[in-house]
């Protein structure tokens, strides 16, 4: 009985941690979109460089930054596009959405 309870608790902790990562990534996505809207980066001509686009080194200490992961997610789902020189801009889908 104790082993079963321990397994249930571990599964619960795992799902709770995944839920926290999802919330932090969602918050980072909203921050990136707000940053690009504030910079008025709506097309390749007005694209803006984002300081958190470059990943930190292997030995980076401190709180985890979810913005690089969120930026990669937004680019994969065509919400943000990347220019050839590494700058980013919003697509037409997101320009009218308020966050």
Protein backbone atom coordinates (compact mmCIF):
# COMPACT_ATOMS: atom_id res chain seq x y z
CA UNK A 1 0.00 0.00 0.00
CA UNK A 2 2.82 2.43 0.85
CA UNK A 3 4.60 1.72 -2.43
CA UNK A 4 1.40 2.36 -4.37
CA UNK A 5 0.90 5.68 -2.55
CA UNK A 6 4.51 6.68 -3.24
CA UNK A 7 4.10 5.92 -6.95
CA UNK A 8 0.88 7.97 -7.09
CA UNK A 9 2.62 10.90 -5.36
CA UNK A 10 5.57 10.73 -7.77
CA UNK A 11 3.26 10.68 -10.77
CA UNK A 12 1.38 13.66 -9.33
CA UNK A 13 4.61 15.60 -8.77
CA UNK A 14 5.70 14.86 -12.34
CA UNK A 15 2.44 16.16 -13.82
CA UNK A 16 2.47 19.20 -11.54
CA UNK A 17 6.00 20.08 -12.67
CA UNK A 18 5.02 19.70 -16.34
CA UNK A 19 2.02 21.95 -15.76
CA UNK A 20 4.34 24.58 -14.22
CA UNK A 21 6.67 24.43 -17.23
CA UNK A 22 3.67 24.88 -19.53
CA UNK A 23 2.51 27.96 -17.61
CA UNK A 24 5.98 29.51 -17.63
CA UNK A 25 6.39 28.85 -21.36
CA UNK A 26 2.97 30.37 -22.08
CA UNK A 27 3.91 33.47 -20.06
CA UNK A 28 7.21 33.72 -21.97
CA UNK A 29 5.33 33.47 -25.30
CA UNK A 30 3.06 36.33 -24.28
CA UNK A 31 6.08 38.42 -23.24
CA UNK A 32 7.82 37.84 -26.59
CA UNK A 33 4.70 38.81 -28.54
CA UNK A 34 4.25 41.95 -26.42
CA UNK A 35 7.91 42.88 -26.97
CA UNK A 36 7.56 42.57 -30.74
CA UNK A 37 4.28 44.54 -30.73
CA UNK A 38 5.90 47.27 -28.62
CA UNK A 39 8.77 47.43 -31.14
CA UNK A 40 6.22 47.42 -34.01
CA UNK A 41 7.94 44.47 -35.69
CA UNK A 42 5.18 43.52 -38.13
CA UNK A 43 7.14 42.77 -41.30
CA UNK A 44 10.70 41.88 -42.35
CA UNK A 45 11.56 45.56 -42.82
CA UNK A 46 10.69 46.41 -39.23
CA UNK A 47 11.97 43.15 -37.72
CA UNK A 48 13.75 43.45 -34.40
CA UNK A 49 16.59 41.57 -32.75
CA UNK A 50 15.67 39.86 -29.50
CA UNK A 51 18.35 39.60 -26.79
CA UNK A 52 17.08 36.25 -25.53
CA UNK A 53 17.25 34.59 -28.96
CA UNK A 54 20.77 33.34 -28.28
CA UNK A 55 21.02 30.44 -25.87
CA UNK A 56 23.22 30.84 -22.86
CA UNK A 57 26.29 28.73 -22.27
CA UNK A 58 26.28 25.29 -20.72
CA UNK A 59 27.48 26.55 -17.34
CA UNK A 60 24.86 29.27 -16.91
CA UNK A 61 23.67 29.47 -13.31
CA UNK A 62 20.50 31.10 -12.04
CA UNK A 63 16.79 30.87 -12.68
CA UNK A 64 15.70 29.11 -15.85
CA UNK A 65 14.81 31.39 -18.72
CA UNK A 66 11.91 30.05 -20.76
CA UNK A 67 12.09 32.71 -23.47
CA UNK A 68 14.49 30.89 -25.86
CA UNK A 69 12.32 27.78 -25.71
CA UNK A 70 9.15 29.84 -26.16
CA UNK A 71 10.70 31.73 -29.10
CA UNK A 72 11.55 28.45 -30.81
CA UNK A 73 7.97 27.25 -30.25
CA UNK A 74 6.53 30.47 -31.74
CA UNK A 75 8.77 30.21 -34.82
CA UNK A 76 7.85 26.55 -35.36
CA UNK A 77 4.14 27.36 -35.26
CA UNK A 78 4.55 30.34 -37.66
CA UNK A 79 3.43 32.93 -35.13
CA UNK A 80 6.78 34.70 -35.39
CA UNK A 81 9.09 34.65 -38.38
CA UNK A 82 12.85 34.97 -38.42
CA UNK A 83 14.67 36.96 -41.08
CA UNK A 84 17.93 35.84 -42.70
CA UNK A 85 19.96 38.14 -40.44
CA UNK A 86 18.47 36.73 -37.21
CA UNK A 87 15.81 39.34 -36.47
CA UNK A 88 12.20 38.49 -35.67
CA UNK A 89 8.77 39.85 -36.63
CA UNK A 90 5.14 38.92 -36.07
CA UNK A 91 3.03 37.24 -38.72
CA UNK A 92 -0.35 38.53 -39.86
CA UNK A 93 -2.15 36.05 -37.55
CA UNK A 94 -1.03 37.73 -34.35
CA UNK A 95 -0.96 41.41 -35.21
CA UNK A 96 -4.60 41.98 -34.27
CA UNK A 97 -4.69 39.78 -31.15
CA UNK A 98 -4.49 41.58 -27.81
CA UNK A 99 -2.54 39.94 -25.00
